[in-house]
Protein backbone atom coordinates (compact mmCIF):
# COMPACT_ATOMS: atom_id res chain seq x y z
CA UNK A 1 -1.68 15.38 7.94
CA UNK A 2 0.62 14.42 10.77
CA UNK A 3 4.39 14.13 10.37
CA UNK A 4 7.02 13.10 12.85
CA UNK A 5 10.28 14.93 12.10
CA UNK A 6 13.57 14.11 13.76
CA UNK A 7 17.22 15.14 13.81
CA UNK A 8 19.92 12.51 13.55
CA UNK A 9 18.87 8.94 14.18
CA UNK A 10 15.28 7.90 13.42
CA UNK A 11 13.04 7.51 16.47
CA UNK A 12 12.65 4.09 17.97
CA UNK A 13 9.80 1.83 16.93
CA UNK A 14 8.26 2.34 20.39
CA UNK A 15 8.29 6.14 19.97
CA UNK A 16 6.66 5.91 16.55
CA UNK A 17 4.03 3.55 17.94
CA UNK A 18 3.32 5.94 20.83
CA UNK A 19 2.64 8.75 18.37
CA UNK A 20 0.55 6.43 16.21
CA UNK A 21 -1.67 5.68 19.21
CA UNK A 22 -1.97 9.39 20.01
CA UNK A 23 -2.89 10.21 16.41
CA UNK A 24 -5.54 7.49 16.23
CA UNK A 25 -6.98 8.65 19.57
CA UNK A 26 -7.18 12.25 18.34
CA UNK A 27 -8.89 11.16 15.11
CA UNK A 28 -11.44 9.20 17.12
CA UNK A 29 -12.01 11.94 19.72
CA UNK A 30 -12.83 14.55 17.08
CA UNK A 31 -14.93 12.19 14.96
CA UNK A 32 -12.58 12.44 12.02
CA UNK A 33 -11.90 9.77 9.45
CA UNK A 34 -8.49 8.17 9.19
CA UNK A 35 -7.43 8.08 5.56
CA UNK A 36 -3.91 6.74 5.67
CA UNK A 37 -0.90 6.34 7.91
CA UNK A 38 2.46 5.75 6.28
CA UNK A 39 4.03 3.37 6.95
CA UNK A 40 0.83 1.43 7.62
CA UNK A 41 0.83 -1.00 10.52
CA UNK A 42 -2.64 -2.42 9.90
CA UNK A 43 -5.16 -2.75 7.10
CA UNK A 44 -7.26 0.23 8.25
CA UNK A 45 -4.25 2.53 7.83
CA UNK A 46 -4.03 1.86 4.07
CA UNK A 47 -5.68 4.28 1.66
CA UNK A 48 -7.48 2.38 -1.08
CA UNK A 49 -8.16 4.20 -4.31
CA UNK A 50 -11.81 3.65 -5.30
CA UNK A 51 -12.45 1.48 -8.33
CA UNK A 52 -13.74 3.02 -11.52
CA UNK A 53 -17.53 3.15 -11.47
CA UNK A 54 -19.38 0.52 -13.46
CA UNK A 55 -20.08 1.81 -16.95
CA UNK A 56 -17.19 4.30 -16.92
CA UNK A 57 -15.54 4.57 -20.33
CA UNK A 58 -12.39 2.51 -20.67
CA UNK A 59 -9.14 4.10 -21.66
CA UNK A 60 -8.32 3.93 -25.33
CA UNK A 61 -4.68 3.30 -24.44
CA UNK A 62 -3.61 -0.30 -24.21
CA UNK A 63 -2.20 -1.62 -20.94
CA UNK A 64 1.54 -1.30 -20.55
CA UNK A 65 3.87 -2.34 -17.75
CA UNK A 66 6.44 0.43 -17.56
CA UNK A 67 8.02 -0.64 -14.28
CA UNK A 68 11.43 -2.34 -14.20
CA UNK A 69 10.23 -4.99 -11.73
CA UNK A 70 9.72 -8.64 -12.55
CA UNK A 71 10.00 -9.86 -8.96
CA UNK A 72 7.58 -9.18 -6.11
CA UNK A 73 10.33 -8.45 -3.59
CA UNK A 74 11.50 -5.58 -5.82
CA UNK A 75 8.03 -4.08 -6.17
CA UNK A 76 7.19 -3.47 -2.48
CA UNK A 77 9.07 -0.17 -2.28
CA UNK A 78 7.43 1.08 -5.50
CA UNK A 79 3.98 0.67 -3.95
CA UNK A 80 5.08 2.51 -0.81
CA UNK A 81 5.90 -0.42 1.45
CA UNK A 82 8.92 -1.63 3.33
CA UNK A 83 9.81 -5.30 2.93
CA UNK A 84 8.91 -5.80 6.60
CA UNK A 85 5.42 -4.24 6.28
CA UNK A 86 2.67 -6.33 7.88
CA UNK A 87 1.30 -9.02 5.57
CA UNK A 88 -2.28 -7.63 5.70
CA UNK A 89 -0.97 -4.25 4.48
CA UNK A 90 0.98 -5.90 1.67
CA UNK A 91 -2.11 -7.86 0.60
CA UNK A 92 -4.25 -4.71 0.32
CA UNK A 93 -1.65 -2.77 -1.66
CA UNK A 94 -0.92 -5.74 -3.91
CA UNK A 95 -4.62 -6.21 -4.70
CA UNK A 96 -4.80 -2.54 -5.60
CA UNK A 97 -1.93 -2.92 -8.10
CA UNK A 98 -3.56 -6.04 -9.50
CA UNK A 99 -6.77 -4.05 -10.20
CA UNK A 100 -4.86 -1.62 -12.42
CA UNK A 101 -5.26 -1.82 -16.19
CA UNK A 102 -1.52 -2.40 -16.50
CA UNK A 103 -1.49 -5.59 -14.41
CA UNK A 104 -2.25 -8.00 -17.29
CA UNK A 105 0.86 -6.66 -19.04
CA UNK A 106 3.08 -7.26 -15.98
CA UNK A 107 5.73 -9.95 -16.33
CA UNK A 108 4.33 -13.47 -15.92
CA UNK A 109 6.82 -14.26 -13.13
CA UNK A 110 5.59 -11.25 -11.11
CA UNK A 111 1.94 -12.17 -11.64
CA UNK A 112 2.59 -15.76 -10.50
CA UNK A 113 4.44 -14.52 -7.40
CA UNK A 114 1.59 -12.12 -6.56
CA UNK A 115 -1.04 -14.86 -6.86
CA UNK A 116 1.09 -17.18 -4.73
CA UNK A 117 1.58 -14.47 -2.09
CA UNK A 118 -2.19 -13.86 -1.91
CA UNK A 119 -2.83 -17.60 -1.54
CA UNK A 120 -0.57 -17.53 1.50
CA UNK A 121 2.25 -19.54 -0.03
């Protein structure tokens, strides 16, 4: 884990990017695997939870959408993203939410917006 702590004002975007480059270089130099960087700036910085293996028993609980969101713009922060996150990062995280058993129970408006977003509209 790597954290950048600061006092007062947050560091500039350039400073954060400099540390991001240093972190990625260190990971590569030591032959480590990058799991996740938050906030992600590219698709390879997003941790994707593996899908359930084929043949795994399904939950006996029915799907439920317990989140108060019915609009995609409201949901970004819930899935750990800023509204200005790169599109490729948003696509990965959104697909992950859409794989969840609760997704079919999500509000129809939200599901339509998600599909439209993934189509590039």
